Amino acid sequence: MGRLLSSLLILGLVLSGCAPRGNGFPASVRDTAPMPEQAQIRVVGAYEVVEGATQLQGMEVAYDKGTNKITLQGKLSLKTLDSKQTIPLDVSLQGTTDMQGFSVMKPVGSVGVADLEIAAKATCLGVANDCSSNFIDIYISYEDRIYHHQVESVEDTMTMGEEPKDADETVTDPNTPAQGEDFADEDHDEDEHGEMDLTEEQGAYVGDIENDIEKVLEVKPKPKTSPSPKQETPKKDEPKKDDPKKETPKQETPPKKEDPKKVPPKKDEPKKEDPKKEDPKKETPKKDEPKKQDPKKDDDKDEDDDKDETPVVTTQPPKFDLLAKLDQAIGPVNSGKLERATDILGYQKAYPETNLRILRPERLTHFGTIEMAYLVAKMGKYTRAIAPAHSLRMGDLSRKNGGRLGSHKSHTNGLDADIAYYFKADKNMTGFSSALKGGKPLGDWMVAQQWKLLKYTVSSKFVDRIFIHPTLKKSLCTYAQNQGEIKTDLAVETLRRLVPEVNHYNHFHMRIKCSKSQVRCRQMVDPKPGTGC
């Protein structure tokens, strides 16, 4: 009898240990990003939010698929920014997920601290809004400040898709690539940067902090309206009123002498047109066309275009409407998925003026986010301007539903694209070809045009990083130095985001950032400052 009871006890422990998430069993949570050494104030919309003032001391989340209830329990310590006191908090929050995969979580019972409010919002990351994987934004309102802490509890709920058609698993040697060698886009394993870039440098999920503050917290500070500048402007206006008083006596003396004599001086008053003539004279130095040499002309104009335009392709049809494409990129780039994907091949066919070319459509890896569609369309048009014989040739992006793609370690959530280099020779325009020969840049590689494209792309503010072979980056560093622009803001930012990686000798790998509309997307930490040259 004793043995039977022991066996049943052991069996119960084993079953509980192996129980799947989503059945109400608790799972531990962890911080989504490293905590800063000191608390920091971040401006989020109309609010100032304090990050890094809270610390986990053991916390678990439980999700019940049957009732859609999600519970967060554990301990959290808060070090207040103003009174410098450390407050231990026993957290017990609960909510029910909605049809969109979100849950507002409120306290179960009293918080135990006067004038302190705590609440949270859970964001589901699983398929069909399954909340077995999730991240939770915790908000605390205290002493007229808002504190924020983000945690996650993630399990691998993705199903492995079929391999892309015609996938070739051959391993190539990047040190001795052959000229004109077509396609190895599915062969580069990204082993050199994969673990470091995709794991150690992950940041927080985007979330929707400003909207959360409005909907989740009942007691919150007033939005920062910055009234001080409004009070300063009338103070500046008052002396401006004195200026015309000084001007009026000066203007009164000449008309008194001229009015009785002739009427023409009155006609001379419209000579105020002279400043209009002076304006074009002032405009000429603004143009400074000689200062804008060939490469600078293109870059300056393109930067202005990107800053002035909204992140929507102006000629896009309703199916590419930005409002219909929110919340597409789910999770991080190495283990994410894609929902309501944007069909970039369809965009290429509908709008040939974008100058895009999906090289192997049969692989069905031509899907991305709306931001990706916007950016590559801009890059395609710019390619026609700087390299008229070329189109923007693209290999793998993501599957329609995201998930793992061949041997890629990323390309899972619509934020990655493999793009061919520019070459002078027509034979190198049919696919991906090596830009290296004998360990040096190929003579046919169009370094000037490539540098223009990369600068233009980074100036859009959409780019997170671009993986490129170290030798090719060194060549771009030299070119920027020779052009006298190595210290310009755009050149420094472009080179900063060019990440050396040995497998990218026949294409560059562009990764874009999570935009605010991609609330479930997990952003990577920015590359370190500096050009890396």
Protein backbone atom coordinates (compact mmCIF):
# COMPACT_ATOMS: atom_id res chain seq x y z
CA MET A 1 0.00 0.00 0.00
CA GLY A 2 2.84 2.35 0.87
CA ARG A 3 4.50 1.71 -2.47
CA LEU A 4 1.24 2.43 -4.29
CA LEU A 5 0.87 5.74 -2.52
CA SER A 6 4.49 6.63 -3.27
CA SER A 7 4.02 5.77 -6.93
CA LEU A 8 0.87 7.88 -7.16
CA LEU A 9 2.65 10.80 -5.48
CA ILE A 10 5.61 10.59 -7.87
CA LEU A 11 3.27 10.29 -10.84
CA GLY A 12 1.37 13.40 -9.72
CA LEU A 13 4.59 15.37 -9.41
CA VAL A 14 5.74 14.27 -12.86
CA LEU A 15 2.42 15.14 -14.47
CA SER A 16 2.29 18.54 -12.79
CA GLY A 17 5.87 19.27 -13.84
CA CYS A 18 5.11 18.37 -17.44
CA ALA A 19 1.70 20.05 -17.54
CA PRO A 20 1.34 22.35 -20.53
CA ARG A 21 0.83 26.04 -20.05
CA GLY A 22 -2.64 27.42 -20.61
CA ASN A 23 -4.31 25.02 -18.18
CA GLY A 24 -4.08 27.35 -15.21
CA PHE A 25 -0.63 26.11 -14.14
CA PRO A 26 1.73 28.93 -13.09
CA ALA A 27 4.86 29.72 -15.11
CA SER A 28 7.71 31.97 -14.05
CA VAL A 29 8.19 35.37 -15.67
CA ARG A 30 11.34 37.31 -16.46
CA ASP A 31 12.26 40.86 -17.42
CA THR A 32 12.06 41.53 -21.14
CA ALA A 33 15.14 43.76 -21.12
CA PRO A 34 18.08 44.42 -18.78
CA MET A 35 17.25 46.92 -16.06
CA PRO A 36 19.20 50.20 -16.20
CA GLU A 37 21.64 50.84 -13.37
CA GLN A 38 19.66 53.92 -12.37
CA ALA A 39 16.03 54.83 -12.81
CA GLN A 40 15.35 56.71 -16.02
CA ILE A 41 12.50 58.98 -17.07
CA ARG A 42 11.16 58.28 -20.54
CA VAL A 43 8.71 60.54 -22.33
CA VAL A 44 5.91 58.44 -23.81
CA GLY A 45 3.43 60.59 -25.68
CA ALA A 46 1.98 63.04 -23.15
CA TYR A 47 3.38 61.25 -20.10
CA GLU A 48 6.67 60.89 -18.28
CA VAL A 49 7.26 57.25 -17.36
CA VAL A 50 9.90 56.02 -14.90
CA GLU A 51 11.78 52.88 -15.99
CA GLY A 52 14.20 50.85 -13.87
CA ALA A 53 12.81 51.78 -10.44
CA THR A 54 11.15 48.40 -9.89
CA GLN A 55 12.66 44.95 -9.37
CA LEU A 56 11.19 41.45 -9.58
CA GLN A 57 11.50 39.30 -6.47
CA GLY A 58 9.75 36.19 -7.74
CA MET A 59 6.63 36.29 -9.89
CA GLU A 60 4.46 33.82 -11.80
CA VAL A 61 1.71 34.03 -14.39
CA ALA A 62 -1.10 31.54 -14.97
CA TYR A 63 -3.45 31.39 -17.95
CA ASP A 64 -6.62 29.31 -18.14
CA LYS A 65 -7.68 28.55 -21.72
CA GLY A 66 -11.14 27.50 -20.60
CA THR A 67 -12.06 30.80 -18.95
CA ASN A 68 -9.46 33.05 -20.69
CA LYS A 69 -8.46 34.32 -17.27
CA ILE A 70 -4.87 35.35 -16.68
CA THR A 71 -3.35 35.89 -13.24
CA LEU A 72 -0.05 37.51 -12.19
CA GLN A 73 1.20 36.90 -8.64
CA GLY A 74 4.45 37.54 -6.85
CA LYS A 75 6.61 40.20 -5.25
CA LEU A 76 7.88 43.46 -6.67
CA SER A 77 9.94 46.18 -5.00
CA LEU A 78 9.56 49.85 -5.89
CA LYS A 79 12.23 52.46 -5.20
CA THR A 80 10.46 55.79 -5.45
CA LEU A 81 12.13 58.50 -7.46
CA ASP A 82 11.24 61.42 -5.19
CA SER A 83 11.05 60.17 -1.59
CA LYS A 84 13.81 57.57 -2.20
CA GLN A 85 11.95 54.93 -0.18
CA THR A 86 11.88 51.24 -1.07
CA ILE A 87 8.39 49.76 -0.99
CA PRO A 88 7.85 45.97 -1.14
CA LEU A 89 4.68 45.06 -3.01
CA ASP A 90 2.70 41.83 -2.94
CA VAL A 91 1.28 41.71 -6.47
CA SER A 92 -1.92 39.85 -7.27
CA LEU A 93 -3.49 40.93 -10.56
CA GLN A 94 -6.14 39.24 -12.65
CA GLY A 95 -7.99 39.85 -15.91
CA THR A 96 -9.75 38.18 -18.85
CA THR A 97 -8.35 38.24 -22.37
CA ASP A 98 -10.50 39.78 -25.08
CA MET A 99 -10.99 38.81 -28.73
CA GLN A 100 -7.91 40.83 -29.75
CA GLY A 101 -5.63 39.02 -27.31
CA PHE A 102 -5.30 41.69 -24.61
CA SER A 103 -6.26 41.70 -20.95
CA VAL A 104 -6.53 44.56 -18.47
CA MET A 105 -5.42 43.18 -15.12
CA LYS A 106 -6.63 44.69 -11.85
CA PRO A 107 -5.66 43.98 -8.21
CA VAL A 108 -7.32 41.13 -6.36
CA GLY A 109 -7.83 42.66 -2.92
CA SER A 110 -6.02 45.63 -1.39
CA VAL A 111 -2.55 46.72 -2.46
CA GLY A 112 -1.64 47.62 1.13
CA VAL A 113 -0.03 50.98 0.36
CA ALA A 114 -2.00 54.19 0.70
CA ASP A 115 -2.41 56.30 -2.46
CA LEU A 116 -0.64 53.67 -4.57
CA GLU A 117 -2.38 52.16 -7.58
CA ILE A 118 -1.12 49.17 -9.54
CA ALA A 119 -2.55 47.61 -12.69
CA ALA A 120 -1.28 45.81 -15.78
CA LYS A 121 -2.04 44.82 -19.34
CA ALA A 122 -1.26 41.37 -20.71
CA THR A 123 -0.55 40.98 -24.44
CA CYS A 124 -0.97 37.49 -25.87
CA LEU A 125 1.67 36.19 -28.30
CA GLY A 126 0.30 32.76 -29.22
CA VAL A 127 -1.59 31.60 -32.30
CA ALA A 128 -5.23 32.76 -32.40
CA ASN A 129 -4.53 35.02 -29.40
CA ASP A 130 -3.54 32.11 -27.17
CA CYS A 131 -2.08 33.73 -24.05
CA SER A 132 0.10 30.80 -22.98
CA SER A 133 2.93 33.01 -24.26
CA ASN A 134 2.60 36.65 -23.28
CA PHE A 135 4.23 39.80 -22.08
CA ILE A 136 2.79 41.98 -19.35
CA ASP A 137 3.21 45.72 -18.84
CA ILE A 138 2.91 46.58 -15.13
CA TYR A 139 2.00 50.17 -14.21
CA ILE A 140 2.27 51.81 -10.78
CA SER A 141 0.91 55.27 -9.97
CA TYR A 142 2.42 56.78 -6.82
CA GLU A 143 3.47 60.24 -5.63
CA ASP A 144 2.24 61.79 -8.87
CA ARG A 145 4.52 59.56 -10.95
CA ILE A 146 4.01 56.57 -13.23
CA TYR A 147 6.36 53.59 -12.95
CA HIS A 148 6.56 50.89 -15.65
CA HIS A 149 7.92 47.33 -15.63
CA GLN A 150 7.63 44.78 -18.45
CA VAL A 151 7.87 41.01 -17.97
CA GLU A 152 7.34 38.03 -20.23
CA SER A 153 6.45 34.36 -20.05
CA VAL A 154 7.11 32.67 -23.39
CA GLU A 155 6.84 29.11 -24.62
CA ASP A 156 7.45 27.85 -28.16
CA THR A 157 3.91 27.62 -29.55
CA MET A 158 4.95 28.01 -33.19
CA THR A 159 4.40 25.12 -35.54
CA MET A 160 7.23 24.36 -37.92
CA GLY A 161 6.23 25.09 -41.49
CA GLU A 162 7.31 23.21 -44.55
CA GLU A 163 10.65 23.97 -46.09
CA PRO A 164 10.61 26.57 -48.87
CA LYS A 165 10.40 25.13 -52.35
CA ASP A 166 13.75 24.38 -53.98
CA ALA A 167 15.58 25.02 -50.73
CA ASP A 168 19.23 24.08 -51.06
CA GLU A 169 21.02 23.03 -47.93
CA THR A 170 24.49 23.13 -49.48
CA VAL A 171 27.02 24.91 -47.29
CA THR A 172 29.15 27.41 -49.16
CA ASP A 173 32.57 28.74 -48.31
CA PRO A 174 32.30 32.52 -48.01
CA ASN A 175 36.09 32.94 -48.14
CA THR A 176 36.38 31.80 -51.74
CA PRO A 177 33.12 32.71 -53.48
CA ALA A 178 32.99 32.41 -57.24
CA GLN A 179 32.16 35.39 -59.41
CA GLY A 180 28.65 35.19 -60.77
CA GLU A 181 27.62 32.46 -58.32
CA ASP A 182 23.86 32.77 -58.08
CA PHE A 183 21.81 32.37 -54.94
CA ALA A 184 22.95 31.21 -51.61
CA ASP A 185 20.30 33.16 -49.73
CA GLU A 186 18.86 30.11 -48.00
CA ASP A 187 22.33 28.74 -47.31
CA HIS A 188 23.72 31.43 -45.06
CA ASP A 189 23.11 30.23 -41.54
CA GLU A 190 24.06 33.49 -39.85
CA ASP A 191 26.00 31.44 -37.30
CA GLU A 192 28.54 34.20 -36.82
CA HIS A 193 26.07 36.75 -35.48
CA GLY A 194 22.98 34.70 -34.75
CA GLU A 195 23.35 33.90 -31.08
CA MET A 196 24.93 37.20 -30.10
CA ASP A 197 22.58 39.45 -32.02
CA LEU A 198 19.34 37.59 -31.58
CA THR A 199 19.58 36.56 -27.95
CA GLU A 200 21.91 38.81 -25.98
CA GLU A 201 20.72 42.06 -27.53
CA GLN A 202 16.96 41.63 -27.42
CA GLY A 203 15.08 44.60 -26.05
CA ALA A 204 11.55 45.16 -24.81
CA TYR A 205 8.29 44.60 -26.66
CA VAL A 206 6.81 47.71 -28.24
CA GLY A 207 3.52 47.64 -26.37
CA ASP A 208 1.17 50.62 -26.23
CA ILE A 209 2.21 52.43 -23.07
CA GLU A 210 0.49 55.78 -23.60
CA ASN A 211 -2.83 54.14 -24.44
CA ASP A 212 -2.40 51.73 -21.53
CA ILE A 213 -1.94 54.59 -19.07
CA GLU A 214 -5.21 56.11 -20.26
CA LYS A 215 -7.19 52.88 -20.03
CA VAL A 216 -5.51 50.82 -17.30
CA LEU A 217 -4.76 53.34 -14.55
CA GLU A 218 -7.58 55.17 -12.79
CA VAL A 219 -5.35 57.61 -10.90
CA LYS A 220 -2.55 59.08 -12.94
CA PRO A 221 -0.57 62.33 -13.23
CA LYS A 222 -1.82 64.96 -15.59
CA PRO A 223 -0.23 64.81 -19.06
CA LYS A 224 2.84 66.98 -19.47
CA THR A 225 1.52 69.94 -21.44
CA SER A 226 4.67 72.08 -21.03
CA PRO A 227 2.83 75.35 -20.20
CA SER A 228 6.08 77.24 -19.57
CA PRO A 229 6.83 77.99 -23.23
CA LYS A 230 3.29 79.28 -23.64
CA GLN A 231 3.92 81.82 -20.89
CA GLU A 232 7.25 82.79 -22.35
CA THR A 233 5.86 83.66 -25.75
CA PRO A 234 3.72 86.60 -24.53
CA LYS A 235 6.74 87.88 -22.63
CA LYS A 236 8.65 87.89 -25.87
CA ASP A 237 5.73 89.52 -27.65
CA GLU A 238 5.65 92.46 -25.25
CA PRO A 239 9.02 93.88 -26.33
CA LYS A 240 7.99 93.25 -29.90
CA LYS A 241 5.19 95.76 -29.32
CA ASP A 242 7.81 98.31 -28.31
CA ASP A 243 9.68 97.84 -31.58
CA PRO A 244 6.95 99.28 -33.78
CA LYS A 245 6.77 102.28 -31.42
CA LYS A 246 10.38 103.00 -32.26
CA GLU A 247 9.78 102.43 -35.92
CA THR A 248 6.73 104.70 -36.18
CA PRO A 249 8.58 107.95 -35.39
CA LYS A 250 11.24 107.03 -37.92
CA GLN A 251 8.62 106.45 -40.58
CA GLU A 252 6.67 109.58 -39.64
CA THR A 253 9.49 112.05 -40.34
CA PRO A 254 10.06 111.20 -44.04
CA PRO A 255 6.39 111.09 -45.00
CA LYS A 256 5.80 114.50 -43.42
CA LYS A 257 8.33 116.01 -45.82
CA GLU A 258 7.38 113.98 -48.86
CA ASP A 259 3.56 113.94 -48.61
CA PRO A 260 2.94 117.61 -49.41
CA LYS A 261 5.39 117.54 -52.31
CA LYS A 262 4.65 114.51 -54.40
CA VAL A 263 2.33 111.59 -54.53
CA PRO A 264 4.91 109.16 -56.00
CA PRO A 265 6.43 108.41 -52.60
CA LYS A 266 3.09 106.83 -51.76
CA LYS A 267 3.62 104.62 -54.75
CA ASP A 268 7.07 103.96 -53.46
CA GLU A 269 5.50 102.35 -50.40
CA PRO A 270 4.80 99.18 -52.39
CA LYS A 271 8.56 99.07 -52.81
CA LYS A 272 8.19 96.62 -49.99
CA GLU A 273 8.44 94.24 -52.91
CA ASP A 274 12.19 94.77 -52.68
CA PRO A 275 12.46 92.33 -49.81
CA LYS A 276 10.63 89.86 -52.03
CA LYS A 277 13.40 90.36 -54.54
CA GLU A 278 15.89 89.93 -51.78
CA ASP A 279 14.33 86.60 -50.75
CA PRO A 280 15.36 84.79 -53.92
CA LYS A 281 18.82 86.21 -53.40
CA LYS A 282 18.78 84.62 -49.98
CA GLU A 283 17.43 81.39 -51.44
CA THR A 284 20.41 80.95 -53.72
CA PRO A 285 22.82 80.37 -50.82
CA LYS A 286 20.25 77.99 -49.31
CA LYS A 287 20.44 75.85 -52.41
CA ASP A 288 24.23 75.74 -52.27
CA GLU A 289 24.22 73.52 -55.35
CA PRO A 290 28.01 73.54 -55.62
CA LYS A 291 28.26 72.29 -52.04
CA LYS A 292 25.97 69.39 -52.91
CA GLN A 293 28.18 67.25 -55.02
CA ASP A 294 26.70 64.36 -56.97
CA PRO A 295 26.46 61.97 -54.03
CA LYS A 296 25.32 64.69 -51.64
CA LYS A 297 22.61 65.96 -53.98
CA ASP A 298 20.85 62.65 -54.01
CA ASP A 299 21.26 62.04 -50.31
CA ASP A 300 20.08 65.48 -49.19
CA LYS A 301 17.02 65.37 -51.35
CA ASP A 302 16.18 61.86 -50.32
CA GLU A 303 16.55 62.63 -46.66
CA ASP A 304 14.11 65.50 -46.99
CA ASP A 305 11.69 63.31 -48.88
CA ASP A 306 11.72 60.67 -46.17
CA LYS A 307 11.21 63.20 -43.40
CA ASP A 308 8.35 64.95 -45.16
CA GLU A 309 6.42 61.85 -46.22
CA THR A 310 4.31 59.71 -43.95
CA PRO A 311 5.17 56.01 -43.75
CA VAL A 312 2.58 55.01 -46.32
CA VAL A 313 3.20 54.47 -50.02
CA THR A 314 1.07 57.12 -51.67
CA THR A 315 -0.18 54.94 -54.51
CA GLN A 316 -1.04 51.90 -52.46
CA PRO A 317 -4.46 50.26 -52.92
CA PRO A 318 -6.83 49.62 -50.00
CA LYS A 319 -5.38 46.16 -49.34
CA PHE A 320 -2.14 47.89 -48.28
CA ASP A 321 -3.93 50.40 -46.09
CA LEU A 322 -1.84 51.08 -42.99
CA LEU A 323 -4.91 51.03 -40.75
CA ALA A 324 -5.74 47.49 -41.85
CA LYS A 325 -2.21 46.26 -41.22
CA LEU A 326 -1.53 47.05 -37.60
CA ASP A 327 -0.14 44.40 -35.28
CA GLN A 328 1.52 42.17 -37.90
CA ALA A 329 5.00 41.39 -36.50
CA ILE A 330 4.69 39.14 -33.44
CA GLY A 331 7.60 38.49 -31.09
CA PRO A 332 11.34 38.71 -31.84
CA VAL A 333 12.95 38.23 -35.25
CA ASN A 334 14.37 34.79 -34.41
CA SER A 335 11.22 33.15 -33.01
CA GLY A 336 8.31 35.28 -34.14
CA LYS A 337 5.40 35.02 -36.51
CA LEU A 338 3.54 37.19 -38.98
CA GLU A 339 -0.17 37.96 -39.12
CA ARG A 340 -2.15 39.71 -41.87
CA ALA A 341 1.02 39.76 -43.95
CA THR A 342 1.63 42.29 -46.72
CA ASP A 343 2.16 40.53 -50.07
CA ILE A 344 5.17 42.33 -51.52
CA LEU A 345 5.08 40.26 -54.71
CA GLY A 346 1.48 41.41 -55.20
CA TYR A 347 2.62 44.95 -54.64
CA GLN A 348 5.38 44.50 -57.23
CA LYS A 349 2.83 43.31 -59.83
CA ALA A 350 0.28 46.00 -59.05
CA TYR A 351 2.81 48.85 -59.10
CA PRO A 352 5.71 48.16 -61.48
CA GLU A 353 6.91 51.74 -61.02
CA THR A 354 8.24 50.70 -57.61
CA ASN A 355 10.98 48.81 -59.51
CA LEU A 356 10.85 45.77 -57.23
CA ARG A 357 11.78 42.23 -58.22
CA ILE A 358 11.15 39.13 -56.14
CA LEU A 359 13.76 36.73 -57.52
CA ARG A 360 12.20 33.39 -56.66
CA PRO A 361 8.45 33.80 -56.08
CA GLU A 362 7.94 30.03 -56.08
CA ARG A 363 9.54 29.91 -52.62
CA LEU A 364 6.55 31.85 -51.22
CA THR A 365 8.83 33.89 -48.97
CA HIS A 366 7.84 37.35 -50.22
CA PHE A 367 5.77 38.56 -47.26
CA GLY A 368 6.46 41.29 -44.74
CA THR A 369 4.95 44.12 -42.74
CA ILE A 370 3.44 47.29 -44.21
CA GLU A 371 6.56 49.17 -43.11
CA MET A 372 8.73 46.73 -45.07
CA ALA A 373 6.54 47.19 -48.17
CA TYR A 374 6.80 50.97 -47.85
CA LEU A 375 10.57 50.99 -47.43
CA VAL A 376 11.47 48.58 -50.24
CA ALA A 377 9.14 50.51 -52.58
CA LYS A 378 11.09 53.68 -51.75
CA MET A 379 14.37 51.82 -52.26
CA GLY A 380 13.18 50.44 -55.60
CA LYS A 381 12.30 53.88 -56.92
CA TYR A 382 15.60 55.27 -55.67
CA THR A 383 17.46 52.41 -57.35
CA ARG A 384 16.00 53.48 -60.69
CA ALA A 385 17.32 57.00 -60.05
CA ILE A 386 20.90 56.04 -59.17
CA ALA A 387 21.32 52.79 -61.13
CA PRO A 388 18.77 52.92 -63.99
CA ALA A 389 19.63 49.47 -65.37
CA HIS A 390 18.84 47.81 -62.04
CA SER A 391 15.78 46.85 -60.06
CA LEU A 392 15.72 46.21 -56.32
CA ARG A 393 16.24 42.43 -56.36
CA MET A 394 15.08 40.61 -53.25
CA GLY A 395 15.47 37.04 -52.04
CA ASP A 396 13.85 35.78 -48.85
CA LEU A 397 11.68 37.98 -46.64
CA SER A 398 9.21 35.92 -44.58
CA ARG A 399 6.50 33.30 -45.04
CA LYS A 400 2.90 34.40 -45.16
CA ASN A 401 2.40 33.38 -41.53
CA GLY A 402 5.99 33.86 -40.47
CA GLY A 403 7.81 31.26 -38.42
CA ARG A 404 11.05 29.50 -39.19
CA LEU A 405 12.30 29.83 -42.76
CA GLY A 406 14.77 27.20 -43.98
CA SER A 407 18.11 27.54 -42.22
CA HIS A 408 17.64 31.24 -41.51
CA LYS A 409 17.85 32.17 -37.84
CA SER A 410 15.63 35.18 -38.39
CA HIS A 411 13.12 36.12 -41.15
CA THR A 412 10.30 34.93 -38.87
CA ASN A 413 8.11 38.03 -38.43
CA GLY A 414 8.26 40.16 -41.59
CA LEU A 415 11.07 42.51 -40.55
CA ASP A 416 13.96 40.96 -42.54
CA ALA A 417 14.82 41.08 -46.24
CA ASP A 418 17.75 39.76 -48.28
CA ILE A 419 18.68 42.22 -51.05
CA ALA A 420 21.18 41.85 -53.90
CA TYR A 421 24.18 44.13 -54.41
CA TYR A 422 24.62 46.37 -57.46
CA PHE A 423 26.96 45.19 -60.24
CA LYS A 424 28.00 46.74 -63.55
CA ALA A 425 27.91 43.50 -65.54
CA ASP A 426 24.47 42.45 -66.80
CA LYS A 427 25.23 38.77 -66.15
CA ASN A 428 25.34 39.50 -62.44
CA MET A 429 21.82 40.93 -62.38
CA THR A 430 19.87 37.67 -62.55
CA GLY A 431 20.31 36.65 -58.92
CA PHE A 432 22.60 36.93 -55.92
CA SER A 433 26.27 37.15 -56.89
CA SER A 434 29.37 37.48 -54.80
CA ALA A 435 30.80 40.97 -54.45
CA LEU A 436 34.15 39.48 -53.44
CA LYS A 437 36.92 37.83 -55.40
CA GLY A 438 40.20 36.75 -53.85
CA GLY A 439 39.16 38.35 -50.56
CA LYS A 440 38.75 41.79 -52.18
CA PRO A 441 35.72 43.69 -53.48
CA LEU A 442 34.90 42.78 -57.05
CA GLY A 443 35.69 45.45 -59.64
CA ASP A 444 32.12 45.29 -60.96
CA TRP A 445 30.65 46.06 -57.56
CA MET A 446 29.14 49.56 -57.76
CA VAL A 447 30.42 50.93 -54.47
CA ALA A 448 29.30 54.53 -55.06
CA GLN A 449 25.72 53.57 -55.88
CA GLN A 450 25.66 51.01 -53.07
CA TRP A 451 26.75 53.66 -50.59
CA LYS A 452 24.01 56.00 -51.81
CA LEU A 453 21.34 53.33 -51.41
CA LEU A 454 22.45 52.38 -47.92
CA LYS A 455 22.52 56.00 -46.77
CA TYR A 456 19.13 56.62 -48.30
CA THR A 457 17.71 53.55 -46.59
CA VAL A 458 19.08 54.43 -43.15
CA SER A 459 17.86 58.03 -43.49
CA SER A 460 14.28 56.68 -43.51
CA LYS A 461 14.63 55.94 -39.75
CA PHE A 462 13.05 52.53 -40.36
CA VAL A 463 16.30 50.52 -40.37
CA ASP A 464 17.40 48.59 -37.29
CA ARG A 465 20.60 47.15 -38.82
CA ILE A 466 22.02 45.86 -42.09
CA PHE A 467 24.28 42.79 -42.16
CA ILE A 468 27.10 43.09 -44.69
CA HIS A 469 30.43 41.33 -45.27
CA PRO A 470 33.28 42.93 -43.23
CA THR A 471 35.42 43.51 -46.35
CA LEU A 472 32.56 45.30 -48.09
CA LYS A 473 31.92 47.48 -45.06
CA LYS A 474 35.60 48.39 -44.94
CA SER A 475 35.39 49.41 -48.59
CA LEU A 476 32.39 51.63 -47.82
CA CYS A 477 34.30 53.20 -44.91
CA THR A 478 37.16 54.03 -47.28
CA TYR A 479 34.78 55.44 -49.87
CA ALA A 480 33.04 57.67 -47.30
CA GLN A 481 36.45 58.85 -46.07
CA ASN A 482 37.60 59.70 -49.59
CA GLN A 483 34.37 61.58 -50.25
CA GLY A 484 34.96 63.73 -47.15
CA GLU A 485 31.71 62.69 -45.49
CA ILE A 486 32.90 60.16 -42.93
CA LYS A 487 32.03 62.55 -40.09
CA THR A 488 28.63 63.67 -41.35
CA ASP A 489 25.65 62.64 -39.24
CA LEU A 490 24.09 60.49 -41.96
CA ALA A 491 27.35 58.70 -42.80
CA VAL A 492 28.05 57.97 -39.12
CA GLU A 493 24.53 56.64 -38.56
CA THR A 494 24.67 54.52 -41.72
CA LEU A 495 28.03 52.95 -40.85
CA ARG A 496 26.85 52.37 -37.29
CA ARG A 497 23.97 50.23 -38.58
CA LEU A 498 26.13 48.25 -41.02
CA VAL A 499 26.91 45.14 -38.97
CA PRO A 500 29.87 43.07 -40.30
CA GLU A 501 28.92 39.42 -40.90
CA VAL A 502 30.96 37.03 -43.06
CA ASN A 503 28.05 35.20 -44.72
CA HIS A 504 26.73 38.32 -46.43
CA TYR A 505 29.13 38.52 -49.36
CA ASN A 506 26.50 38.06 -52.09
CA HIS A 507 23.65 40.11 -50.59
CA PHE A 508 22.95 42.40 -47.67
CA HIS A 509 20.40 41.54 -45.00
CA MET A 510 18.20 44.48 -44.02
CA ARG A 511 16.25 44.39 -40.77
CA ILE A 512 13.76 47.11 -39.96
CA LYS A 513 12.61 48.31 -36.55
CA CYS A 514 9.37 47.54 -34.78
CA SER A 515 7.12 50.53 -35.40
CA LYS A 516 4.60 51.80 -32.86
CA SER A 517 1.83 50.07 -34.80
CA GLN A 518 3.49 46.67 -34.23
CA VAL A 519 2.57 46.46 -30.54
CA ARG A 520 3.47 42.75 -30.13
CA CYS A 521 6.83 43.12 -31.83
CA ARG A 522 10.03 42.73 -29.80
CA GLN A 523 12.68 45.28 -30.65
CA MET A 524 16.40 44.57 -30.62
CA VAL A 525 18.82 46.82 -28.78
CA ASP A 526 20.37 49.42 -31.07
CA PRO A 527 23.89 48.79 -32.43
CA LYS A 528 26.65 50.39 -30.39
CA PRO A 529 27.57 54.01 -31.22
CA GLY A 530 30.39 54.65 -33.67
CA THR A 531 31.14 53.87 -37.29
CA GLY A 532 33.05 50.65 -36.69
CA CYS A 533 35.51 51.68 -39.42
